[in-house]
Amino acid sequence: HESDRAVGDFLNQLKLFDEPTVVVFFGDHQPGIEDEFYEFLYEKDLSELSLEEKMEQYATPFFIWTNYDIEERQDVVISPNFLGVLTAQMAGLPLTGYMNFLSQLYEVLPVITPVGLISAQGEFLTEEELDEEQQEWILTYETLNYCGMVDLFDEARPMYCLD
């Protein structure tokens, strides 16, 4: 309750700024809770949870706020790896080549986590359940992530930077 109030106070102060301002607020996980609580909540052993139920344990709310008008969206299904792209798009910022790739990947697999994935059709999937096209997207994603983190090739650098 106090955190919500503090965030509200913070945003009210930012409303007074003349400079365009963007705030992205999200958590990367829920608070740690004992397994017994989840077993009580789901009325079954954690080993019996469906993929959807497992992924629900990791879902966290987020918002993007600006002190200027942007398109409002509700119930956005997204994983944190796409949040930077969504933020840049909503703020009208230019995208790198990698961000353009991510925006295309989002249209195919809007949620990619170590626990599971969600397809554009809303299907909860494991990596083993991906179709051939989805597997190719994931392979390219993993390759680009590797190049972006390790930066082995100068040729790859423009993919991750703006001119």
N, C-alpha and C. Protein backbone atom coordinates (compact mmCIF):
# COMPACT_ATOMS: atom_id res chain seq x y z
N HIS A 1 0.83 -1.20 0.00
CA HIS A 1 0.00 0.00 0.00
C HIS A 1 0.87 1.26 0.00
N GLU A 2 1.88 1.26 0.88
CA GLU A 2 2.76 2.43 0.96
C GLU A 2 3.58 2.61 -0.32
N SER A 3 3.99 1.50 -0.92
CA SER A 3 4.75 1.59 -2.18
C SER A 3 3.87 2.18 -3.28
N ASP A 4 2.62 1.74 -3.35
CA ASP A 4 1.70 2.28 -4.35
C ASP A 4 1.52 3.78 -4.16
N ARG A 5 1.35 4.20 -2.92
CA ARG A 5 1.18 5.62 -2.63
C ARG A 5 2.43 6.40 -3.04
N ALA A 6 3.60 5.86 -2.72
CA ALA A 6 4.86 6.55 -3.05
C ALA A 6 5.04 6.67 -4.56
N VAL A 7 4.70 5.62 -5.30
CA VAL A 7 4.80 5.69 -6.76
C VAL A 7 3.83 6.75 -7.29
N GLY A 8 2.62 6.79 -6.75
CA GLY A 8 1.65 7.82 -7.15
C GLY A 8 2.16 9.22 -6.89
N ASP A 9 2.76 9.44 -5.72
CA ASP A 9 3.33 10.75 -5.40
C ASP A 9 4.45 11.11 -6.37
N PHE A 10 5.30 10.13 -6.66
CA PHE A 10 6.41 10.34 -7.60
C PHE A 10 5.89 10.75 -8.99
N LEU A 11 4.88 10.02 -9.49
CA LEU A 11 4.34 10.33 -10.82
C LEU A 11 3.65 11.69 -10.82
N ASN A 12 2.98 12.05 -9.74
CA ASN A 12 2.35 13.37 -9.66
C ASN A 12 3.39 14.48 -9.75
N GLN A 13 4.56 14.26 -9.17
CA GLN A 13 5.64 15.25 -9.28
C GLN A 13 6.15 15.34 -10.72
N LEU A 14 6.26 14.19 -11.38
CA LEU A 14 6.75 14.17 -12.76
C LEU A 14 5.78 14.83 -13.73
N LYS A 15 4.49 14.84 -13.40
CA LYS A 15 3.51 15.51 -14.25
C LYS A 15 3.83 16.99 -14.42
N LEU A 16 4.52 17.55 -13.47
CA LEU A 16 4.85 18.98 -13.49
C LEU A 16 6.04 19.31 -14.39
N PHE A 17 6.80 18.30 -14.81
CA PHE A 17 7.97 18.52 -15.65
C PHE A 17 7.54 18.96 -17.04
N ASP A 18 8.27 19.92 -17.61
CA ASP A 18 8.05 20.33 -19.00
C ASP A 18 8.71 19.36 -19.97
N GLU A 19 9.82 18.77 -19.55
CA GLU A 19 10.56 17.86 -20.41
C GLU A 19 9.80 16.54 -20.53
N PRO A 20 9.65 16.00 -21.75
CA PRO A 20 8.98 14.69 -21.89
C PRO A 20 9.68 13.64 -21.03
N THR A 21 8.89 12.93 -20.25
CA THR A 21 9.42 11.99 -19.27
C THR A 21 8.70 10.66 -19.38
N VAL A 22 9.47 9.56 -19.33
CA VAL A 22 8.93 8.21 -19.40
C VAL A 22 9.39 7.45 -18.16
N VAL A 23 8.45 6.74 -17.54
CA VAL A 23 8.77 5.88 -16.40
C VAL A 23 8.32 4.48 -16.74
N VAL A 24 9.21 3.52 -16.58
CA VAL A 24 8.87 2.10 -16.74
C VAL A 24 9.01 1.48 -15.36
N PHE A 25 7.95 0.83 -14.91
CA PHE A 25 7.93 0.25 -13.57
C PHE A 25 7.54 -1.21 -13.69
N PHE A 26 8.43 -2.10 -13.25
CA PHE A 26 8.12 -3.52 -13.27
C PHE A 26 9.01 -4.23 -12.27
N GLY A 27 8.59 -5.43 -11.91
CA GLY A 27 9.42 -6.27 -11.07
C GLY A 27 9.85 -7.47 -11.89
N ASP A 28 11.00 -8.02 -11.58
CA ASP A 28 11.47 -9.15 -12.37
C ASP A 28 10.99 -10.48 -11.81
N HIS A 29 10.32 -10.46 -10.65
CA HIS A 29 9.76 -11.69 -10.09
C HIS A 29 8.84 -11.34 -8.93
N GLN A 30 8.02 -12.29 -8.55
CA GLN A 30 7.19 -12.10 -7.37
C GLN A 30 8.06 -12.29 -6.14
N PRO A 31 7.57 -11.86 -4.99
CA PRO A 31 8.34 -12.11 -3.77
C PRO A 31 8.48 -13.61 -3.51
N GLY A 32 9.56 -13.99 -2.87
CA GLY A 32 9.75 -15.39 -2.52
C GLY A 32 8.71 -15.84 -1.51
N ILE A 33 8.00 -16.87 -1.85
CA ILE A 33 6.95 -17.42 -0.98
C ILE A 33 7.21 -18.91 -0.86
N GLU A 34 6.97 -19.44 0.31
CA GLU A 34 7.18 -20.86 0.54
C GLU A 34 6.35 -21.72 -0.41
N ASP A 35 6.92 -22.83 -0.83
CA ASP A 35 6.21 -23.75 -1.73
C ASP A 35 4.87 -24.19 -1.15
N GLU A 36 4.81 -24.34 0.16
CA GLU A 36 3.56 -24.79 0.79
C GLU A 36 2.41 -23.83 0.53
N PHE A 37 2.72 -22.53 0.43
CA PHE A 37 1.67 -21.55 0.13
C PHE A 37 1.09 -21.81 -1.26
N TYR A 38 1.98 -22.01 -2.24
CA TYR A 38 1.51 -22.29 -3.60
C TYR A 38 0.73 -23.60 -3.66
N GLU A 39 1.19 -24.58 -2.94
CA GLU A 39 0.46 -25.85 -2.91
C GLU A 39 -0.93 -25.67 -2.29
N PHE A 40 -1.03 -24.84 -1.28
CA PHE A 40 -2.33 -24.53 -0.68
C PHE A 40 -3.19 -23.77 -1.69
N LEU A 41 -2.59 -22.79 -2.36
CA LEU A 41 -3.31 -21.97 -3.33
C LEU A 41 -3.85 -22.81 -4.49
N TYR A 42 -2.99 -23.67 -5.04
CA TYR A 42 -3.38 -24.48 -6.20
C TYR A 42 -4.08 -25.78 -5.79
N GLU A 43 -4.07 -26.09 -4.51
CA GLU A 43 -4.68 -27.32 -3.98
C GLU A 43 -4.09 -28.57 -4.62
N LYS A 44 -2.77 -28.52 -4.89
CA LYS A 44 -2.05 -29.68 -5.42
C LYS A 44 -0.56 -29.48 -5.26
N ASP A 45 0.18 -30.55 -5.39
CA ASP A 45 1.63 -30.52 -5.31
C ASP A 45 2.19 -29.69 -6.47
N LEU A 46 3.27 -28.96 -6.24
CA LEU A 46 3.85 -28.13 -7.29
C LEU A 46 4.27 -28.94 -8.51
N SER A 47 4.65 -30.19 -8.32
CA SER A 47 5.05 -31.03 -9.45
C SER A 47 3.87 -31.33 -10.39
N GLU A 48 2.65 -31.08 -9.93
CA GLU A 48 1.45 -31.34 -10.73
C GLU A 48 0.93 -30.10 -11.45
N LEU A 49 1.62 -28.97 -11.30
CA LEU A 49 1.16 -27.74 -11.94
C LEU A 49 1.30 -27.82 -13.46
N SER A 50 0.35 -27.24 -14.15
CA SER A 50 0.44 -27.13 -15.61
C SER A 50 1.48 -26.06 -15.94
N LEU A 51 1.90 -26.01 -17.19
CA LEU A 51 2.85 -25.00 -17.62
C LEU A 51 2.27 -23.61 -17.39
N GLU A 52 1.00 -23.43 -17.68
CA GLU A 52 0.35 -22.14 -17.48
C GLU A 52 0.39 -21.73 -16.00
N GLU A 53 0.12 -22.66 -15.11
CA GLU A 53 0.16 -22.36 -13.68
C GLU A 53 1.57 -22.03 -13.22
N LYS A 54 2.57 -22.74 -13.74
CA LYS A 54 3.96 -22.44 -13.39
C LYS A 54 4.34 -21.04 -13.85
N MET A 55 3.93 -20.69 -15.06
CA MET A 55 4.28 -19.38 -15.59
C MET A 55 3.56 -18.26 -14.85
N GLU A 56 2.35 -18.54 -14.35
CA GLU A 56 1.62 -17.54 -13.56
C GLU A 56 2.41 -17.14 -12.32
N GLN A 57 3.19 -18.05 -11.78
CA GLN A 57 3.99 -17.75 -10.59
C GLN A 57 5.04 -16.68 -10.86
N TYR A 58 5.42 -16.51 -12.11
CA TYR A 58 6.46 -15.56 -12.47
C TYR A 58 5.91 -14.29 -13.11
N ALA A 59 4.61 -14.23 -13.32
CA ALA A 59 4.01 -13.04 -13.93
C ALA A 59 4.09 -11.87 -12.96
N THR A 60 4.48 -10.72 -13.45
CA THR A 60 4.52 -9.52 -12.62
C THR A 60 3.89 -8.36 -13.38
N PRO A 61 3.18 -7.52 -12.67
CA PRO A 61 2.59 -6.36 -13.33
C PRO A 61 3.66 -5.33 -13.70
N PHE A 62 3.34 -4.50 -14.67
CA PHE A 62 4.24 -3.42 -15.04
C PHE A 62 3.40 -2.29 -15.61
N PHE A 63 4.01 -1.11 -15.70
CA PHE A 63 3.36 -0.03 -16.44
C PHE A 63 4.43 0.85 -17.05
N ILE A 64 4.01 1.52 -18.13
CA ILE A 64 4.82 2.55 -18.76
C ILE A 64 3.99 3.83 -18.65
N TRP A 65 4.56 4.83 -18.02
CA TRP A 65 3.87 6.10 -17.78
C TRP A 65 4.65 7.22 -18.45
N THR A 66 3.94 8.18 -19.02
CA THR A 66 4.59 9.36 -19.57
C THR A 66 3.82 10.60 -19.10
N ASN A 67 4.49 11.72 -19.15
CA ASN A 67 3.82 12.97 -18.83
C ASN A 67 3.28 13.65 -20.09
N TYR A 68 3.11 12.87 -21.13
CA TYR A 68 2.49 13.31 -22.38
C TYR A 68 1.61 12.17 -22.88
N ASP A 69 0.76 12.46 -23.86
CA ASP A 69 -0.19 11.45 -24.33
C ASP A 69 0.49 10.34 -25.12
N ILE A 70 0.15 9.10 -24.76
CA ILE A 70 0.56 7.92 -25.52
C ILE A 70 -0.66 7.01 -25.61
N GLU A 71 -0.58 6.05 -26.51
CA GLU A 71 -1.65 5.07 -26.63
C GLU A 71 -1.71 4.24 -25.35
N GLU A 72 -2.90 4.15 -24.75
CA GLU A 72 -3.06 3.32 -23.56
C GLU A 72 -3.38 1.90 -23.98
N ARG A 73 -2.75 0.95 -23.29
CA ARG A 73 -2.99 -0.47 -23.56
C ARG A 73 -3.17 -1.19 -22.24
N GLN A 74 -4.05 -2.16 -22.22
CA GLN A 74 -4.31 -2.96 -21.03
C GLN A 74 -3.98 -4.42 -21.32
N ASP A 75 -3.67 -5.16 -20.28
CA ASP A 75 -3.47 -6.60 -20.37
C ASP A 75 -2.46 -7.00 -21.44
N VAL A 76 -1.35 -6.30 -21.50
CA VAL A 76 -0.29 -6.60 -22.46
C VAL A 76 0.43 -7.86 -21.99
N VAL A 77 0.54 -8.83 -22.87
CA VAL A 77 1.26 -10.07 -22.59
C VAL A 77 2.67 -9.89 -23.16
N ILE A 78 3.65 -9.90 -22.27
CA ILE A 78 5.02 -9.59 -22.68
C ILE A 78 5.99 -10.14 -21.65
N SER A 79 7.18 -10.50 -22.08
CA SER A 79 8.23 -10.88 -21.14
C SER A 79 9.25 -9.73 -21.10
N PRO A 80 10.06 -9.67 -20.04
CA PRO A 80 10.97 -8.53 -19.86
C PRO A 80 11.92 -8.29 -21.02
N ASN A 81 12.27 -9.32 -21.78
CA ASN A 81 13.20 -9.14 -22.90
C ASN A 81 12.63 -8.23 -23.99
N PHE A 82 11.32 -8.03 -24.01
CA PHE A 82 10.69 -7.16 -25.00
C PHE A 82 10.31 -5.79 -24.43
N LEU A 83 10.49 -5.59 -23.14
CA LEU A 83 10.03 -4.36 -22.50
C LEU A 83 10.78 -3.13 -23.00
N GLY A 84 12.06 -3.25 -23.27
CA GLY A 84 12.83 -2.12 -23.81
C GLY A 84 12.32 -1.68 -25.17
N VAL A 85 11.98 -2.64 -26.01
CA VAL A 85 11.46 -2.33 -27.35
C VAL A 85 10.11 -1.63 -27.21
N LEU A 86 9.23 -2.17 -26.38
CA LEU A 86 7.91 -1.55 -26.18
C LEU A 86 8.08 -0.12 -25.66
N THR A 87 8.98 0.07 -24.74
CA THR A 87 9.23 1.40 -24.18
C THR A 87 9.71 2.36 -25.27
N ALA A 88 10.68 1.92 -26.05
CA ALA A 88 11.21 2.77 -27.13
C ALA A 88 10.11 3.10 -28.14
N GLN A 89 9.30 2.11 -28.50
CA GLN A 89 8.21 2.36 -29.44
C GLN A 89 7.20 3.36 -28.88
N MET A 90 6.82 3.19 -27.61
CA MET A 90 5.83 4.09 -27.01
C MET A 90 6.39 5.50 -26.85
N ALA A 91 7.71 5.61 -26.67
CA ALA A 91 8.33 6.92 -26.51
C ALA A 91 8.69 7.54 -27.86
N GLY A 92 8.47 6.79 -28.95
CA GLY A 92 8.79 7.31 -30.27
C GLY A 92 10.28 7.39 -30.54
N LEU A 93 11.05 6.54 -29.88
CA LEU A 93 12.50 6.54 -30.06
C LEU A 93 12.90 5.64 -31.22
N PRO A 94 14.05 5.90 -31.84
CA PRO A 94 14.51 5.02 -32.92
C PRO A 94 14.91 3.65 -32.35
N LEU A 95 14.78 2.64 -33.18
CA LEU A 95 15.12 1.27 -32.77
C LEU A 95 16.41 0.83 -33.44
N THR A 96 17.20 0.07 -32.72
CA THR A 96 18.38 -0.55 -33.31
C THR A 96 17.93 -1.72 -34.18
N GLY A 97 18.84 -2.29 -34.93
CA GLY A 97 18.51 -3.47 -35.72
C GLY A 97 18.05 -4.61 -34.83
N TYR A 98 18.71 -4.77 -33.69
CA TYR A 98 18.33 -5.83 -32.76
C TYR A 98 16.92 -5.58 -32.20
N MET A 99 16.62 -4.34 -31.89
CA MET A 99 15.28 -4.02 -31.39
C MET A 99 14.22 -4.27 -32.46
N ASN A 100 14.55 -3.99 -33.71
CA ASN A 100 13.61 -4.30 -34.80
C ASN A 100 13.38 -5.81 -34.89
N PHE A 101 14.47 -6.58 -34.73
CA PHE A 101 14.31 -8.04 -34.71
C PHE A 101 13.40 -8.45 -33.56
N LEU A 102 13.64 -7.91 -32.37
CA LEU A 102 12.80 -8.25 -31.21
C LEU A 102 11.34 -7.91 -31.44
N SER A 103 11.07 -6.78 -32.09
CA SER A 103 9.66 -6.42 -32.33
C SER A 103 9.01 -7.41 -33.28
N GLN A 104 9.76 -7.98 -34.21
CA GLN A 104 9.22 -9.02 -35.09
C GLN A 104 9.04 -10.33 -34.34
N LEU A 105 10.02 -10.69 -33.51
CA LEU A 105 9.93 -11.90 -32.70
C LEU A 105 8.73 -11.83 -31.76
N TYR A 106 8.47 -10.66 -31.20
CA TYR A 106 7.34 -10.47 -30.29
C TYR A 106 6.02 -10.86 -30.96
N GLU A 107 5.91 -10.63 -32.25
CA GLU A 107 4.69 -10.97 -32.98
C GLU A 107 4.50 -12.49 -33.08
N VAL A 108 5.56 -13.25 -32.92
CA VAL A 108 5.51 -14.71 -33.00
C VAL A 108 5.45 -15.34 -31.61
N LEU A 109 6.32 -14.87 -30.72
CA LEU A 109 6.43 -15.40 -29.35
C LEU A 109 6.54 -14.23 -28.37
N PRO A 110 5.41 -13.68 -27.92
CA PRO A 110 5.46 -12.50 -27.05
C PRO A 110 6.00 -12.76 -25.64
N VAL A 111 6.12 -14.02 -25.26
CA VAL A 111 6.70 -14.35 -23.96
C VAL A 111 7.72 -15.46 -24.15
N ILE A 112 8.96 -15.17 -23.71
CA ILE A 112 10.05 -16.15 -23.75
C ILE A 112 10.70 -16.13 -22.38
N THR A 113 10.58 -17.22 -21.66
CA THR A 113 11.18 -17.32 -20.33
C THR A 113 11.84 -18.69 -20.19
N PRO A 114 12.66 -18.86 -19.18
CA PRO A 114 13.23 -20.20 -18.93
C PRO A 114 12.18 -21.23 -18.53
N VAL A 115 11.04 -20.78 -18.04
CA VAL A 115 9.97 -21.69 -17.61
C VAL A 115 9.16 -22.17 -18.81
N GLY A 116 8.87 -21.27 -19.74
CA GLY A 116 8.06 -21.61 -20.91
C GLY A 116 7.88 -20.40 -21.80
N LEU A 117 7.11 -20.59 -22.84
CA LEU A 117 6.88 -19.55 -23.83
C LEU A 117 5.38 -19.41 -24.06
N ILE A 118 4.97 -18.27 -24.59
CA ILE A 118 3.58 -18.09 -25.00
C ILE A 118 3.62 -17.64 -26.45
N SER A 119 2.84 -18.32 -27.28
CA SER A 119 2.78 -17.99 -28.71
C SER A 119 1.86 -16.79 -28.93
N ALA A 120 1.89 -16.26 -30.15
CA ALA A 120 1.01 -15.16 -30.52
C ALA A 120 -0.46 -15.56 -30.40
N GLN A 121 -0.73 -16.86 -30.48
CA GLN A 121 -2.11 -17.36 -30.35
C GLN A 121 -2.49 -17.61 -28.89
N GLY A 122 -1.59 -17.31 -27.95
CA GLY A 122 -1.87 -17.49 -26.54
C GLY A 122 -1.62 -18.88 -26.00
N GLU A 123 -0.94 -19.73 -26.78
CA GLU A 123 -0.63 -21.09 -26.33
C GLU A 123 0.58 -21.06 -25.40
N PHE A 124 0.49 -21.78 -24.28
CA PHE A 124 1.62 -21.96 -23.39
C PHE A 124 2.41 -23.16 -23.91
N LEU A 125 3.71 -22.94 -24.17
CA LEU A 125 4.53 -23.97 -24.81
C LEU A 125 5.86 -24.15 -24.09
N THR A 126 6.38 -25.36 -24.18
CA THR A 126 7.77 -25.59 -23.80
C THR A 126 8.60 -25.48 -25.09
N GLU A 127 9.91 -25.39 -24.97
CA GLU A 127 10.74 -25.30 -26.18
C GLU A 127 10.56 -26.52 -27.07
N GLU A 128 10.33 -27.68 -26.46
CA GLU A 128 10.15 -28.90 -27.23
C GLU A 128 8.86 -28.87 -28.06
N GLU A 129 7.90 -28.06 -27.67
CA GLU A 129 6.61 -28.00 -28.37
C GLU A 129 6.58 -26.95 -29.48
N LEU A 130 7.64 -26.20 -29.66
CA LEU A 130 7.66 -25.16 -30.69
C LEU A 130 7.64 -25.78 -32.07
N ASP A 131 6.95 -25.13 -33.00
CA ASP A 131 6.98 -25.61 -34.37
C ASP A 131 8.30 -25.16 -35.02
N GLU A 132 8.54 -25.59 -36.24
CA GLU A 132 9.82 -25.34 -36.90
C GLU A 132 10.11 -23.84 -37.04
N GLU A 133 9.11 -23.07 -37.43
CA GLU A 133 9.31 -21.63 -37.58
C GLU A 133 9.67 -20.99 -36.24
N GLN A 134 8.94 -21.35 -35.18
CA GLN A 134 9.22 -20.81 -33.86
C GLN A 134 10.62 -21.20 -33.38
N GLN A 135 11.04 -22.43 -33.69
CA GLN A 135 12.39 -22.88 -33.32
C GLN A 135 13.46 -22.04 -34.02
N GLU A 136 13.22 -21.70 -35.29
CA GLU A 136 14.16 -20.87 -36.03
C GLU A 136 14.27 -19.48 -35.41
N TRP A 137 13.12 -18.92 -35.01
CA TRP A 137 13.12 -17.61 -34.34
C TRP A 137 13.95 -17.68 -33.07
N ILE A 138 13.76 -18.74 -32.27
CA ILE A 138 14.48 -18.88 -31.00
C ILE A 138 15.98 -19.04 -31.25
N LEU A 139 16.36 -19.82 -32.25
CA LEU A 139 17.78 -19.99 -32.57
C LEU A 139 18.41 -18.65 -32.95
N THR A 140 17.73 -17.89 -33.79
CA THR A 140 18.24 -16.57 -34.18
C THR A 140 18.32 -15.65 -32.95
N TYR A 141 17.30 -15.68 -32.11
CA TYR A 141 17.28 -14.89 -30.88
C TYR A 141 18.47 -15.23 -29.99
N GLU A 142 18.72 -16.51 -29.78
CA GLU A 142 19.84 -16.94 -28.93
C GLU A 142 21.18 -16.52 -29.55
N THR A 143 21.28 -16.62 -30.86
CA THR A 143 22.52 -16.22 -31.55
C THR A 143 22.76 -14.73 -31.40
N LEU A 144 21.72 -13.93 -31.63
CA LEU A 144 21.87 -12.48 -31.52
C LEU A 144 22.14 -12.06 -30.08
N ASN A 145 21.51 -12.72 -29.13
CA ASN A 145 21.80 -12.43 -27.72
C ASN A 145 23.26 -12.69 -27.41
N TYR A 146 23.77 -13.80 -27.89
CA TYR A 146 25.17 -14.15 -27.66
C TYR A 146 26.08 -13.10 -28.27
N CYS A 147 25.83 -12.74 -29.52
CA CYS A 147 26.66 -11.73 -30.19
C CYS A 147 26.59 -10.40 -29.46
N GLY A 148 25.39 -10.04 -28.99
CA GLY A 148 25.21 -8.78 -28.29
C GLY A 148 25.94 -8.73 -26.96
N MET A 149 26.01 -9.87 -26.29
CA MET A 149 26.68 -9.91 -24.98
C MET A 149 28.19 -10.03 -25.13
N VAL A 150 28.63 -10.82 -26.08
CA VAL A 150 30.05 -11.11 -26.21
C VAL A 150 30.71 -10.16 -27.21
N ASP A 151 29.96 -9.71 -28.22
CA ASP A 151 30.46 -8.78 -29.24
C ASP A 151 31.77 -9.26 -29.85
N LEU A 152 31.74 -10.49 -30.36
CA LEU A 152 32.94 -11.06 -30.95
C LEU A 152 33.32 -10.41 -32.27
N PHE A 153 32.37 -9.85 -32.97
CA PHE A 153 32.64 -9.37 -34.32
C PHE A 153 32.28 -7.89 -34.44
N ASP A 154 33.22 -7.10 -34.94
CA ASP A 154 32.93 -5.68 -35.17
C ASP A 154 31.78 -5.52 -36.15
N GLU A 155 31.64 -6.50 -37.06
CA GLU A 155 30.56 -6.43 -38.04
C GLU A 155 29.19 -6.48 -37.38
N ALA A 156 29.11 -7.12 -36.22
CA ALA A 156 27.82 -7.26 -35.52
C ALA A 156 27.44 -6.00 -34.75
N ARG A 157 28.40 -5.18 -34.40
CA ARG A 157 28.16 -4.01 -33.55
C ARG A 157 27.03 -3.11 -34.08
N PRO A 158 26.95 -2.80 -35.37
CA PRO A 158 25.87 -1.90 -35.83
C PRO A 158 24.45 -2.45 -35.56
N MET A 159 24.33 -3.74 -35.40
CA MET A 159 23.02 -4.34 -35.10
C MET A 159 22.49 -3.87 -33.76
N TYR A 160 23.39 -3.49 -32.86
CA TYR A 160 23.03 -3.17 -31.47
C TYR A 160 23.14 -1.69 -31.14
N CYS A 161 23.60 -0.89 -32.09
CA CYS A 161 23.81 0.53 -31.84
C CYS A 161 23.08 1.36 -32.90
N LEU A 162 22.72 2.57 -32.52
CA LEU A 162 22.16 3.51 -33.50
C LEU A 162 23.31 4.20 -34.21
N ASP A 163 23.05 4.67 -35.43
CA ASP A 163 24.12 5.33 -36.19
C ASP A 163 24.75 6.46 -35.47
